[in-house]
Protein backbone atom coordinates (compact mmCIF):
# COMPACT_ATOMS: atom_id res chain seq x y z
CA MET A 1 30.94 33.86 2.76
CA ALA A 2 27.62 32.18 3.36
CA VAL A 3 27.12 28.56 4.37
CA GLU A 4 24.72 27.10 1.82
CA ARG A 5 23.16 23.78 0.93
CA THR A 6 22.80 22.37 -2.55
CA LEU A 7 21.51 19.18 -4.13
CA SER A 8 23.84 16.80 -5.89
CA ILE A 9 22.85 13.74 -7.88
CA ILE A 10 25.35 11.09 -8.87
CA LYS A 11 23.78 9.84 -12.11
CA PRO A 12 23.23 6.27 -13.36
CA ASP A 13 26.31 6.26 -15.61
CA ALA A 14 28.52 6.89 -12.56
CA THR A 15 26.77 4.49 -10.17
CA ARG A 16 26.91 1.75 -12.83
CA ARG A 17 30.70 2.18 -13.02
CA ASN A 18 31.16 2.25 -9.21
CA LEU A 19 32.37 5.85 -9.18
CA THR A 20 30.28 7.02 -6.21
CA GLY A 21 33.21 7.00 -3.77
CA LYS A 22 35.56 8.82 -6.15
CA ILE A 23 32.93 11.50 -6.81
CA VAL A 24 32.12 11.91 -3.11
CA ALA A 25 35.86 12.32 -2.41
CA LYS A 26 36.03 15.22 -4.88
CA PHE A 27 33.18 17.00 -3.08
CA GLU A 28 34.73 16.41 0.34
CA ASP A 29 38.22 17.39 -0.84
CA ALA A 30 36.72 20.70 -2.01
CA GLY A 31 35.40 21.38 1.50
CA LEU A 32 31.79 20.33 0.98
CA ARG A 33 30.11 18.19 3.65
CA ILE A 34 27.50 15.57 2.84
CA VAL A 35 24.66 16.23 5.28
CA ALA A 36 22.13 13.83 3.69
CA SER A 37 22.51 10.99 1.22
CA ARG A 38 20.32 8.27 -0.28
CA ARG A 39 20.74 5.74 -3.09
CA ILE A 40 17.46 5.39 -5.00
CA ARG A 41 16.02 4.31 -8.31
CA LEU A 42 13.85 7.08 -9.78
CA SER A 43 10.49 6.13 -11.23
CA LYS A 44 9.46 7.63 -14.55
CA GLY A 45 6.99 9.87 -12.70
CA GLN A 46 9.64 11.11 -10.27
CA ALA A 47 12.12 11.85 -13.06
CA GLU A 48 9.44 13.66 -15.09
CA ALA A 49 8.48 15.75 -12.05
CA PHE A 50 12.06 16.57 -11.08
CA TYR A 51 13.06 17.59 -14.62
CA GLY A 52 9.65 19.14 -15.42
CA VAL A 53 11.25 22.49 -16.24
CA HIS A 54 12.67 20.77 -19.34
CA ARG A 55 9.39 19.13 -20.41
CA GLU A 56 9.16 21.03 -23.71
CA ARG A 57 12.82 20.55 -24.62
CA PRO A 58 13.74 17.96 -27.28
CA PHE A 59 16.00 16.04 -24.86
CA PHE A 60 13.36 15.60 -22.12
CA LYS A 61 12.30 12.05 -23.03
CA SER A 62 15.87 10.77 -23.32
CA LEU A 63 16.81 12.54 -20.06
CA VAL A 64 13.96 10.80 -18.21
CA GLU A 65 14.90 7.44 -19.76
CA PHE A 66 18.53 7.92 -18.77
CA MET A 67 17.79 9.04 -15.20
CA THR A 68 15.55 6.00 -14.67
CA SER A 69 18.02 3.54 -16.23
CA GLY A 70 19.74 2.72 -12.94
CA PRO A 71 20.22 3.87 -9.37
CA VAL A 72 21.29 7.39 -8.49
CA VAL A 73 22.73 8.86 -5.30
CA VAL A 74 20.94 12.01 -4.17
CA GLN A 75 22.74 14.06 -1.57
CA VAL A 76 22.69 17.40 0.16
CA LEU A 77 26.04 19.17 0.19
CA GLU A 78 26.76 21.93 2.68
CA GLY A 79 29.56 24.46 2.90
CA GLU A 80 30.76 27.97 2.17
CA ASN A 81 29.20 29.01 -1.16
CA ALA A 82 28.19 25.37 -1.69
CA ILE A 83 26.21 26.02 -4.89
CA ALA A 84 29.10 27.67 -6.74
CA LYS A 85 31.66 25.28 -5.24
CA ASN A 86 29.63 22.25 -6.32
CA ARG A 87 29.31 23.60 -9.86
CA GLU A 88 33.06 24.27 -9.96
CA VAL A 89 33.84 20.70 -8.80
CA MET A 90 31.37 19.23 -11.33
CA GLY A 91 32.76 21.15 -14.32
CA ALA A 92 30.98 22.28 -17.47
CA THR A 93 27.85 20.35 -18.52
CA ASN A 94 29.59 19.31 -21.72
CA PRO A 95 32.58 17.23 -20.57
CA ALA A 96 34.53 18.36 -23.64
CA ASN A 97 34.47 21.88 -22.17
CA ALA A 98 35.08 20.87 -18.55
CA ALA A 99 38.31 21.84 -16.80
CA PRO A 100 40.88 19.14 -15.99
CA GLY A 101 40.29 17.50 -12.61
CA THR A 102 36.55 18.17 -12.55
CA ILE A 103 34.08 15.34 -12.16
CA ARG A 104 32.71 15.68 -15.66
CA LYS A 105 36.14 15.86 -17.29
CA ASP A 106 37.35 12.83 -15.33
CA PHE A 107 34.25 10.61 -15.41
CA ALA A 108 31.53 11.72 -17.89
CA GLU A 109 30.67 9.50 -20.84
CA SER A 110 28.75 12.18 -22.79
CA ILE A 111 26.91 15.48 -22.40
CA GLU A 112 23.86 13.55 -21.08
CA ALA A 113 25.72 10.81 -19.20
CA ASN A 114 27.86 13.41 -17.46
CA SER A 115 27.93 11.67 -14.06
CA VAL A 116 26.46 14.42 -11.86
CA HIS A 117 23.70 16.98 -11.46
CA GLY A 118 23.91 20.03 -9.22
CA SER A 119 21.53 22.86 -8.35
CA ASP A 120 22.20 26.11 -10.20
CA ALA A 121 20.86 28.69 -7.72
CA ALA A 122 19.68 29.07 -4.11
CA GLU A 123 15.96 28.83 -4.94
CA THR A 124 16.53 25.82 -7.20
CA ALA A 125 18.64 24.16 -4.50
CA ALA A 126 15.92 24.59 -1.87
CA ASN A 127 13.26 23.14 -4.18
CA GLU A 128 15.46 20.25 -5.34
CA ILE A 129 16.56 19.36 -1.80
CA HIS A 130 12.96 19.21 -0.63
CA PHE A 131 12.01 17.07 -3.63
CA PHE A 132 14.13 14.26 -2.15
CA PHE A 133 14.61 15.04 1.56
CA SER A 134 12.61 16.26 4.53
CA ASP A 135 14.22 18.48 7.14
CA LEU A 136 14.44 15.41 9.41
CA ASP A 137 16.76 13.70 6.89
CA ILE A 138 19.39 16.46 6.90
CA HIS A 139 22.03 16.47 9.61
CA SER A 140 24.72 19.15 9.78
């Protein structure tokens, strides 16, 4: 198995409800290490740039509004097959379809306010990590 890094975002719905610690515990309990972390408030421009791949989708405007509605916690997770492991711990995007014990099943309010974001592939992870962190910020 390969040691990988992936980006995780704890979304505004979760930070507003003080769920950061509970969510971090799920990542750590699954064997993922947090090697960089920062609590920030995204500007409209940052959210539009980060989610630019969805610019033409009907949900883009509401996604940007939601992601700028409060602070988020951006973090780099590291571990064996970290991308797949993170996605497993998060659960399905739609919390109604998420497995019991996953973050989205336990904490999501809706398909949009689903508490977490995670990279979906190695190339995406590298780009997303570097959107928020420099190499100097990441400590294994």
